[in-house]
C-alpha cells in the first residue's frame, strides 16, 4: 500500500536517480536504469512449509530438488523471506537433495555478499540434506509418510554370504 509521504520521494528518485545514488550510496560510474518495483508480479510457491506452534512460533520450509539448478539457492532465500514477511516468525529452510545429480556447486548452505562492505550485507543460511547419504534403515524406521524415500537412501555395506550365515561382523566386499 502506497503511503502519501512515500510518493513524493519516490517521484523525486525516479526523476533524479543519479542524485539519489550520489547522496545515499555513491556516484554512479555507468549508465543507470530504473527497474520495475512492482514485485507483486512475482508468483512463486514453495514445496512444503510446516508451521510449528499455536500461535505460530516457527516455520520449517522443505524444498525438494531432483536436478541441479544454479540459482536454486536464490529461490530458497526468496521463499524464506516471503514466509518471514507474511507470518512474522523465524523460518528454517531445508533443501532436500533427492539424488547426487541434484547437487550444484552453488548449493553450499549459504548466500553471503556485501556490495558495500561495512554498510550492510546479506548473510542467509539454509540446511542441505543429501538423501543418498542418509541410511535407508533410518528412513525405513521413520513415519509411514517418509518410508517411500528409503529407496533413495544409502544402502548398508555389503556383507559376505559367509558372514551373514554365521552372524559375524560385516565384511565389506
Protein backbone atom coordinates (compact mmCIF):
# COMPACT_ATOMS: atom_id res chain seq x y z
CA UNK A 1 0.00 0.00 0.00
CA UNK A 2 1.47 3.34 -1.02
CA UNK A 3 1.69 5.93 1.72
CA UNK A 4 1.15 9.63 1.00
CA UNK A 5 4.60 10.63 2.21
CA UNK A 6 6.27 7.84 0.23
CA UNK A 7 5.00 9.08 -3.12
CA UNK A 8 6.98 12.34 -3.26
CA UNK A 9 10.47 10.90 -2.62
CA UNK A 10 9.69 8.03 -4.99
CA UNK A 11 8.86 10.51 -7.74
CA UNK A 12 11.94 12.57 -6.89
CA UNK A 13 14.14 9.46 -7.04
CA UNK A 14 12.72 8.46 -10.40
CA UNK A 15 13.37 11.98 -11.72
CA UNK A 16 16.94 12.11 -10.37
CA UNK A 17 18.29 8.59 -9.79
CA UNK A 18 21.90 9.72 -10.17
CA UNK A 19 21.40 12.38 -7.49
CA UNK A 20 19.86 9.86 -5.08
CA UNK A 21 22.71 7.42 -5.65
CA UNK A 22 25.34 10.12 -5.17
CA UNK A 23 23.68 11.30 -1.95
CA UNK A 24 22.75 8.00 -0.30
CA UNK A 25 25.15 5.49 -1.86
CA UNK A 26 27.91 6.54 -4.26
CA UNK A 27 28.17 8.39 -7.55
CA UNK A 28 27.28 6.11 -10.45
CA UNK A 29 30.08 5.08 -12.79
CA UNK A 30 27.97 3.85 -15.65
CA UNK A 31 24.52 4.04 -17.19
CA UNK A 32 21.51 3.85 -14.90
CA UNK A 33 18.23 2.10 -15.49
CA UNK A 34 15.10 2.45 -13.37
CA UNK A 35 13.71 -1.01 -12.61
CA UNK A 36 10.12 -2.14 -12.22
CA UNK A 37 9.45 -2.03 -8.48
CA UNK A 38 6.17 -3.95 -8.63
CA UNK A 39 7.38 -7.18 -7.04
CA UNK A 40 3.80 -8.47 -6.79
CA UNK A 41 4.22 -9.75 -10.34
CA UNK A 42 6.44 -12.50 -8.91
CA UNK A 43 4.38 -15.60 -8.38
CA UNK A 44 6.01 -18.45 -6.60
CA UNK A 45 5.12 -21.39 -4.42
CA UNK A 46 7.39 -23.25 -2.04
CA UNK A 47 7.33 -27.05 -1.98
CA UNK A 48 6.33 -27.54 1.68
CA UNK A 49 6.02 -25.21 4.67
CA UNK A 50 5.08 -26.55 8.07
CA UNK A 51 4.03 -24.21 10.87
CA UNK A 52 5.06 -25.06 14.42
CA UNK A 53 3.03 -23.95 17.42
CA UNK A 54 -0.34 -22.39 18.11
CA UNK A 55 0.05 -19.49 17.94
CA UNK A 56 2.59 -19.92 15.21
CA UNK A 57 6.16 -19.77 16.56
CA UNK A 58 8.29 -21.06 13.71
CA UNK A 59 8.12 -22.39 10.14
CA UNK A 60 10.09 -25.25 8.62
CA UNK A 61 10.38 -24.89 4.86
CA UNK A 62 11.31 -28.02 2.89
CA UNK A 63 12.36 -27.70 -0.71
CA UNK A 64 12.82 -30.89 -2.75
CA UNK A 65 15.38 -30.88 -5.54
CA UNK A 66 15.92 -33.71 -8.04
CA UNK A 67 18.18 -31.95 -10.55
CA UNK A 68 20.96 -29.38 -10.34
CA UNK A 69 19.87 -25.76 -10.56
CA UNK A 70 22.46 -22.98 -10.47
CA UNK A 71 20.13 -20.43 -8.81
CA UNK A 72 18.02 -22.70 -6.58
CA UNK A 73 19.70 -21.19 -3.51
CA UNK A 74 18.29 -17.79 -4.51
CA UNK A 75 14.79 -19.31 -4.75
CA UNK A 76 15.19 -20.72 -1.24
CA UNK A 77 16.13 -17.25 0.02
CA UNK A 78 13.01 -15.77 -1.63
CA UNK A 79 10.70 -18.43 -0.13
CA UNK A 80 12.25 -17.90 3.30
CA UNK A 81 11.98 -14.11 3.13
CA UNK A 82 8.40 -14.15 1.83
CA UNK A 83 7.28 -16.58 4.54
CA UNK A 84 9.01 -14.47 7.21
CA UNK A 85 7.40 -11.29 5.89
CA UNK A 86 3.96 -12.94 5.76
CA UNK A 87 3.93 -14.83 9.07
CA UNK A 88 6.44 -12.76 11.14
CA UNK A 89 8.10 -15.84 12.67
CA UNK A 90 11.51 -17.44 12.07
CA UNK A 91 11.76 -19.73 9.05
CA UNK A 92 14.20 -22.65 8.82
CA UNK A 93 14.81 -23.71 5.21
CA UNK A 94 15.94 -27.22 4.33
CA UNK A 95 16.85 -28.23 0.78
CA UNK A 96 16.39 -31.97 0.38
CA UNK A 97 18.59 -33.15 -2.49
CA UNK A 98 16.94 -36.33 -3.77
CA UNK A 99 19.91 -37.67 -5.76
CA UNK A 100 23.56 -36.79 -6.35
CA UNK A 101 22.69 -35.16 -9.69
CA UNK A 102 20.71 -32.54 -7.75
CA UNK A 103 23.85 -31.18 -6.09
CA UNK A 104 25.17 -27.96 -7.62
CA UNK A 105 28.26 -26.06 -6.52
CA UNK A 106 26.09 -23.03 -5.74
CA UNK A 107 24.17 -25.13 -3.19
CA UNK A 108 26.54 -24.76 -0.24
CA UNK A 109 24.15 -23.75 2.55
CA UNK A 110 24.77 -20.00 2.43
CA UNK A 111 24.18 -16.88 0.43
CA UNK A 112 26.52 -14.14 1.58
CA UNK A 113 27.63 -10.95 -0.07
CA UNK A 114 28.37 -7.32 0.77
CA UNK A 115 28.02 -4.95 -2.18
CA UNK A 116 29.04 -2.07 0.12
CA UNK A 117 31.38 -3.57 2.75
CA UNK A 118 30.79 -2.04 6.15
CA UNK A 119 27.44 -0.63 5.04
CA UNK A 120 25.22 -3.68 5.09
CA UNK A 121 25.33 -7.23 3.82
CA UNK A 122 23.34 -10.34 3.02
CA UNK A 123 24.01 -13.42 5.09
CA UNK A 124 21.45 -16.21 4.72
CA UNK A 125 21.94 -19.80 5.75
CA UNK A 126 19.92 -22.88 4.92
CA UNK A 127 20.33 -26.59 5.60
CA UNK A 128 21.17 -29.13 2.92
CA UNK A 129 20.18 -32.79 3.28
CA UNK A 130 21.73 -35.19 0.80
CA UNK A 131 19.18 -38.00 0.86
CA UNK A 132 21.58 -40.56 -0.66
CA UNK A 133 23.82 -40.07 2.40
CA UNK A 134 21.01 -40.84 4.87
CA UNK A 135 20.89 -44.54 5.86
CA UNK A 136 17.95 -46.31 4.24
CA UNK A 137 17.30 -48.06 7.59
CA UNK A 138 16.76 -44.68 9.25
CA UNK A 139 14.22 -43.72 6.60
CA UNK A 140 12.51 -47.12 6.85
CA UNK A 141 12.12 -46.59 10.61
CA UNK A 142 10.56 -43.13 10.10
CA UNK A 143 6.89 -42.22 9.87
CA UNK A 144 4.97 -44.13 7.22
CA UNK A 145 4.74 -40.96 5.10
CA UNK A 146 8.53 -40.81 4.88
CA UNK A 147 9.19 -44.54 4.25
CA UNK A 148 8.98 -44.33 0.42
CA UNK A 149 12.08 -42.10 0.49
CA UNK A 150 14.09 -45.04 1.88
CA UNK A 151 14.69 -46.28 -1.65
CA UNK A 152 16.75 -43.10 -2.21
CA UNK A 153 18.77 -43.55 0.97
CA UNK A 154 22.18 -45.13 1.49
CA UNK A 155 22.12 -48.91 1.50
CA UNK A 156 24.07 -50.83 4.14
CA UNK A 157 27.55 -52.04 3.33
CA UNK A 158 27.56 -55.40 1.58
CA UNK A 159 28.33 -58.42 3.70
CA UNK A 160 29.79 -61.68 2.53
CA UNK A 161 27.35 -64.58 2.42
CA UNK A 162 29.51 -66.46 4.95
CA UNK A 163 29.41 -63.56 7.46
CA UNK A 164 25.62 -63.30 7.18
CA UNK A 165 25.18 -67.05 7.69
CA UNK A 166 27.17 -67.25 10.87
CA UNK A 167 26.19 -63.80 12.20
CA UNK A 168 29.71 -62.39 12.05
CA UNK A 169 30.55 -58.72 11.84
CA UNK A 170 30.04 -57.20 8.39
CA UNK A 171 32.73 -57.79 5.84
CA UNK A 172 32.96 -55.26 3.04
CA UNK A 173 33.12 -56.90 -0.39
